Amino acid sequence: MKTNTFLKIAVLIMVLINVVLIGFMIVGPKMPPRGKQDDLKEIISEKLNLNEEQRASYFQLAKSHNEAMSQVNQKQKPMIREYFNYLKLEAKDPAMQDSLLELINQLDQDKLTLTYSHFEELKKICDPDQVVIFEKIMDEIFQVLVGGQKKSLPPPRD
């Protein structure tokens, strides 16, 4: 086979591969444009069939909730890092480690309380028909909040 023919075939194959890849990118599954929280906010708003006034109130509640959660997370991150730094130390201070763990747990409790209050406020802006829907979708919301159902590991191979 001549070198010239081989190069033509190679270029043709590369062009075909590129066309197929571009086709997959265009036709393939789309990545969601927003974050999980924005999607959840939109889904809840749609399922509850919130009117414009309720929707504006809910989105403001969600914004405040996200800001509060972010502040708690920012406080918690260095504490968690410091807690795990105890793994590197030879001489450990168990009292300090326990105190740090209590602070981390308190911040986790604060996050749960903030989230509970957030959904309590959402329920307050709903009309009676929407409250019924809210109570029905709380299980779905809970699954999203805790990360969904964990899939069990497959059994080990022999």
C-alpha atoms as a PDB file:
ATOM      1  CA  MET A   1       0.000   0.000   0.000  1.00  0.00           C
ATOM      2  CA  LYS A   2       1.353   3.392  -0.907  1.00  0.00           C
ATOM      3  CA  THR A   3       2.053   5.936   1.821  1.00  0.00           C
ATOM      4  CA  ASN A   4      -0.200   8.471   0.117  1.00  0.00           C
ATOM      5  CA  THR A   5      -3.190   6.080   0.133  1.00  0.00           C
ATOM      6  CA  PHE A   6      -2.537   5.134   3.747  1.00  0.00           C
ATOM      7  CA  LEU A   7      -2.537   8.796   4.806  1.00  0.00           C
ATOM      8  CA  LYS A   8      -5.794   9.447   2.946  1.00  0.00           C
ATOM      9  CA  ILE A   9      -7.471   6.514   4.718  1.00  0.00           C
ATOM     10  CA  ALA A  10      -6.117   7.641   8.103  1.00  0.00           C
ATOM     11  CA  VAL A  11      -7.416  11.198   7.601  1.00  0.00           C
ATOM     12  CA  LEU A  12     -10.804   9.870   6.472  1.00  0.00           C
ATOM     13  CA  ILE A  13     -11.072   7.669   9.580  1.00  0.00           C
ATOM     14  CA  MET A  14     -10.166  10.608  11.832  1.00  0.00           C
ATOM     15  CA  VAL A  15     -12.778  12.822  10.149  1.00  0.00           C
ATOM     16  CA  LEU A  16     -15.433  10.106  10.612  1.00  0.00           C
ATOM     17  CA  ILE A  17     -14.528   9.694  14.289  1.00  0.00           C
ATOM     18  CA  ASN A  18     -14.787  13.459  14.812  1.00  0.00           C
ATOM     19  CA  VAL A  19     -18.182  13.593  13.091  1.00  0.00           C
ATOM     20  CA  VAL A  20     -19.460  10.750  15.294  1.00  0.00           C
ATOM     21  CA  LEU A  21     -18.139  12.432  18.471  1.00  0.00           C
ATOM     22  CA  ILE A  22     -19.706  15.769  17.537  1.00  0.00           C
ATOM     23  CA  GLY A  23     -22.966  13.950  16.814  1.00  0.00           C
ATOM     24  CA  PHE A  24     -22.893  12.369  20.281  1.00  0.00           C
ATOM     25  CA  MET A  25     -22.261  15.743  21.890  1.00  0.00           C
ATOM     26  CA  ILE A  26     -25.174  17.341  20.041  1.00  0.00           C
ATOM     27  CA  VAL A  27     -27.688  14.503  20.361  1.00  0.00           C
ATOM     28  CA  GLY A  28     -26.458  12.957  23.622  1.00  0.00           C
ATOM     29  CA  PRO A  29     -27.779  13.592  27.118  1.00  0.00           C
ATOM     30  CA  LYS A  30     -27.599  17.200  28.227  1.00  0.00           C
ATOM     31  CA  MET A  31     -25.960  18.223  31.464  1.00  0.00           C
ATOM     32  CA  PRO A  32     -28.224  20.241  33.751  1.00  0.00           C
ATOM     33  CA  PRO A  33     -27.350  23.923  33.489  1.00  0.00           C
ATOM     34  CA  ARG A  34     -27.890  24.699  37.152  1.00  0.00           C
ATOM     35  CA  GLY A  35     -26.944  23.227  40.473  1.00  0.00           C
ATOM     36  CA  LYS A  36     -28.919  20.673  42.445  1.00  0.00           C
ATOM     37  CA  GLN A  37     -30.391  23.301  44.761  1.00  0.00           C
ATOM     38  CA  ASP A  38     -31.742  25.397  41.884  1.00  0.00           C
ATOM     39  CA  ASP A  39     -33.297  22.319  40.307  1.00  0.00           C
ATOM     40  CA  LEU A  40     -34.897  21.307  43.594  1.00  0.00           C
ATOM     41  CA  LYS A  41     -36.253  24.811  44.086  1.00  0.00           C
ATOM     42  CA  GLU A  42     -37.807  24.787  40.604  1.00  0.00           C
ATOM     43  CA  ILE A  43     -39.253  21.294  41.027  1.00  0.00           C
ATOM     44  CA  ILE A  44     -40.824  22.153  44.376  1.00  0.00           C
ATOM     45  CA  SER A  45     -42.236  25.380  42.960  1.00  0.00           C
ATOM     46  CA  GLU A  46     -43.787  23.541  40.013  1.00  0.00           C
ATOM     47  CA  LYS A  47     -45.155  20.621  42.037  1.00  0.00           C
ATOM     48  CA  LEU A  48     -46.774  22.971  44.534  1.00  0.00           C
ATOM     49  CA  ASN A  49     -48.104  25.096  41.694  1.00  0.00           C
ATOM     50  CA  LEU A  50     -47.018  28.297  43.442  1.00  0.00           C
ATOM     51  CA  ASN A  51     -48.411  31.567  42.118  1.00  0.00           C
ATOM     52  CA  GLU A  52     -46.038  34.434  41.313  1.00  0.00           C
ATOM     53  CA  GLU A  53     -46.265  36.005  44.769  1.00  0.00           C
ATOM     54  CA  GLN A  54     -45.709  32.676  46.525  1.00  0.00           C
ATOM     55  CA  ARG A  55     -42.896  31.830  44.130  1.00  0.00           C
ATOM     56  CA  ALA A  56     -41.122  35.117  44.848  1.00  0.00           C
ATOM     57  CA  SER A  57     -41.485  34.536  48.606  1.00  0.00           C
ATOM     58  CA  TYR A  58     -40.251  30.961  48.287  1.00  0.00           C
ATOM     59  CA  PHE A  59     -37.244  31.936  46.179  1.00  0.00           C
ATOM     60  CA  GLN A  60     -36.327  34.591  48.762  1.00  0.00           C
ATOM     61  CA  LEU A  61     -36.681  31.972  51.513  1.00  0.00           C
ATOM     62  CA  ALA A  62     -34.467  29.615  49.522  1.00  0.00           C
ATOM     63  CA  LYS A  63     -31.850  32.313  49.001  1.00  0.00           C
ATOM     64  CA  SER A  64     -31.781  33.115  52.726  1.00  0.00           C
ATOM     65  CA  HIS A  65     -31.609  29.414  53.558  1.00  0.00           C
ATOM     66  CA  ASN A  66     -28.709  28.830  51.163  1.00  0.00           C
ATOM     67  CA  GLU A  67     -26.801  31.781  52.602  1.00  0.00           C
ATOM     68  CA  ALA A  68     -27.342  30.583  56.170  1.00  0.00           C
ATOM     69  CA  MET A  69     -26.287  27.034  55.255  1.00  0.00           C
ATOM     70  CA  SER A  70     -23.214  28.367  53.504  1.00  0.00           C
ATOM     71  CA  GLN A  71     -22.204  30.304  56.617  1.00  0.00           C
ATOM     72  CA  VAL A  72     -22.576  27.214  58.791  1.00  0.00           C
ATOM     73  CA  ASN A  73     -20.585  25.135  56.296  1.00  0.00           C
ATOM     74  CA  GLN A  74     -17.825  27.751  56.253  1.00  0.00           C
ATOM     75  CA  LYS A  75     -17.601  27.544  60.056  1.00  0.00           C
ATOM     76  CA  GLN A  76     -17.656  23.754  60.000  1.00  0.00           C
ATOM     77  CA  LYS A  77     -15.017  23.069  57.321  1.00  0.00           C
ATOM     78  CA  PRO A  78     -11.957  24.206  59.301  1.00  0.00           C
ATOM     79  CA  MET A  79     -13.207  22.346  62.366  1.00  0.00           C
ATOM     80  CA  ILE A  80     -13.553  19.123  60.391  1.00  0.00           C
ATOM     81  CA  ARG A  81     -10.090  19.621  58.911  1.00  0.00           C
ATOM     82  CA  GLU A  82      -8.663  20.205  62.382  1.00  0.00           C
ATOM     83  CA  TYR A  83     -10.471  17.130  63.726  1.00  0.00           C
ATOM     84  CA  PHE A  84      -8.968  14.904  61.047  1.00  0.00           C
ATOM     85  CA  ASN A  85      -5.550  16.451  61.580  1.00  0.00           C
ATOM     86  CA  TYR A  86      -5.521  14.542  64.869  1.00  0.00           C
ATOM     87  CA  LEU A  87      -4.789  11.461  62.772  1.00  0.00           C
ATOM     88  CA  LYS A  88      -1.371  12.938  61.986  1.00  0.00           C
ATOM     89  CA  LEU A  89      -0.452  13.700  65.564  1.00  0.00           C
ATOM     90  CA  GLU A  90       1.468  11.373  67.841  1.00  0.00           C
ATOM     91  CA  ALA A  91       0.365  13.075  71.068  1.00  0.00           C
ATOM     92  CA  LYS A  92      -3.387  13.573  71.041  1.00  0.00           C
ATOM     93  CA  ASP A  93      -5.485  15.666  73.378  1.00  0.00           C
ATOM     94  CA  PRO A  94      -8.700  13.605  73.764  1.00  0.00           C
ATOM     95  CA  ALA A  95     -10.521  16.408  75.596  1.00  0.00           C
ATOM     96  CA  MET A  96      -9.771  18.878  72.803  1.00  0.00           C
ATOM     97  CA  GLN A  97     -10.725  16.305  70.189  1.00  0.00           C
ATOM     98  CA  ASP A  98     -14.045  15.605  71.942  1.00  0.00           C
ATOM     99  CA  SER A  99     -14.723  19.324  72.288  1.00  0.00           C
ATOM    100  CA  LEU A 100     -14.096  19.816  68.587  1.00  0.00           C
ATOM    101  CA  LEU A 101     -16.389  16.916  67.732  1.00  0.00           C
ATOM    102  CA  GLU A 102     -19.145  18.444  69.874  1.00  0.00           C
ATOM    103  CA  LEU A 103     -18.797  21.754  68.000  1.00  0.00           C
ATOM    104  CA  ILE A 104     -18.992  19.941  64.651  1.00  0.00           C
ATOM    105  CA  ASN A 105     -22.093  18.056  65.815  1.00  0.00           C
ATOM    106  CA  GLN A 106     -23.684  21.301  67.010  1.00  0.00           C
ATOM    107  CA  LEU A 107     -23.185  22.822  63.568  1.00  0.00           C
ATOM    108  CA  ASP A 108     -24.766  19.729  61.985  1.00  0.00           C
ATOM    109  CA  GLN A 109     -27.697  20.204  64.324  1.00  0.00           C
ATOM    110  CA  ASP A 110     -27.874  23.869  63.291  1.00  0.00           C
ATOM    111  CA  LYS A 111     -28.045  22.823  59.625  1.00  0.00           C
ATOM    112  CA  LEU A 112     -30.907  20.435  60.351  1.00  0.00           C
ATOM    113  CA  THR A 113     -32.758  23.116  62.299  1.00  0.00           C
ATOM    114  CA  LEU A 114     -32.224  25.678  59.525  1.00  0.00           C
ATOM    115  CA  THR A 115     -33.534  23.258  56.903  1.00  0.00           C
ATOM    116  CA  TYR A 116     -36.530  22.285  59.007  1.00  0.00           C
ATOM    117  CA  SER A 117     -37.374  25.956  59.586  1.00  0.00           C
ATOM    118  CA  HIS A 118     -36.978  26.635  55.877  1.00  0.00           C
ATOM    119  CA  PHE A 119     -39.563  24.012  54.958  1.00  0.00           C
ATOM    120  CA  GLU A 120     -41.814  25.151  57.785  1.00  0.00           C
ATOM    121  CA  GLU A 121     -41.754  28.660  56.272  1.00  0.00           C
ATOM    122  CA  LEU A 122     -42.476  27.218  52.835  1.00  0.00           C
ATOM    123  CA  LYS A 123     -45.478  25.382  54.236  1.00  0.00           C
ATOM    124  CA  LYS A 124     -46.761  28.655  55.721  1.00  0.00           C
ATOM    125  CA  ILE A 125     -46.851  30.383  52.325  1.00  0.00           C
ATOM    126  CA  CYS A 126     -48.876  27.530  50.802  1.00  0.00           C
ATOM    127  CA  ASP A 127     -52.659  27.629  50.592  1.00  0.00           C
ATOM    128  CA  PRO A 128     -54.621  24.637  52.002  1.00  0.00           C
ATOM    129  CA  ASP A 129     -54.635  22.737  48.681  1.00  0.00           C
ATOM    130  CA  GLN A 130     -50.899  23.229  48.318  1.00  0.00           C
ATOM    131  CA  VAL A 131     -50.283  22.059  51.890  1.00  0.00           C
ATOM    132  CA  VAL A 132     -51.776  18.683  50.945  1.00  0.00           C
ATOM    133  CA  ILE A 133     -49.378  18.470  47.994  1.00  0.00           C
ATOM    134  CA  PHE A 134     -46.493  19.681  50.184  1.00  0.00           C
ATOM    135  CA  GLU A 135     -47.107  16.858  52.654  1.00  0.00           C
ATOM    136  CA  LYS A 136     -47.154  14.343  49.795  1.00  0.00           C
ATOM    137  CA  ILE A 137     -43.879  15.517  48.255  1.00  0.00           C
ATOM    138  CA  MET A 138     -41.971  15.779  51.559  1.00  0.00           C
ATOM    139  CA  ASP A 139     -40.783  12.172  51.152  1.00  0.00           C
ATOM    140  CA  GLU A 140     -39.296  13.044  47.758  1.00  0.00           C
ATOM    141  CA  ILE A 141     -37.700  16.183  49.174  1.00  0.00           C
ATOM    142  CA  PHE A 142     -36.270  14.188  52.069  1.00  0.00           C
ATOM    143  CA  GLN A 143     -34.694  11.686  49.668  1.00  0.00           C
ATOM    144  CA  VAL A 144     -32.981  14.523  47.796  1.00  0.00           C
ATOM    145  CA  LEU A 145     -31.796  16.149  51.027  1.00  0.00           C
ATOM    146  CA  VAL A 146     -30.212  12.998  52.410  1.00  0.00           C
ATOM    147  CA  GLY A 147     -28.747  11.932  49.100  1.00  0.00           C
ATOM    148  CA  GLY A 148     -31.297   9.385  47.984  1.00  0.00           C
ATOM    149  CA  GLN A 149     -31.349   5.701  48.670  1.00  0.00           C
ATOM    150  CA  LYS A 150     -27.977   4.095  48.996  1.00  0.00           C
ATOM    151  CA  LYS A 151     -27.478   1.198  46.675  1.00  0.00           C
ATOM    152  CA  SER A 152     -26.066  -1.818  48.366  1.00  0.00           C
ATOM    153  CA  LEU A 153     -22.760  -3.157  47.161  1.00  0.00           C
ATOM    154  CA  PRO A 154     -22.870  -6.153  44.876  1.00  0.00           C
ATOM    155  CA  PRO A 155     -22.044  -9.482  46.493  1.00  0.00           C
ATOM    156  CA  PRO A 156     -18.358 -10.406  46.422  1.00  0.00           C
ATOM    157  CA  ARG A 157     -17.176 -12.677  43.646  1.00  0.00           C
ATOM    158  CA  ASP A 158     -15.838 -16.066  44.472  1.00  0.00           C
END
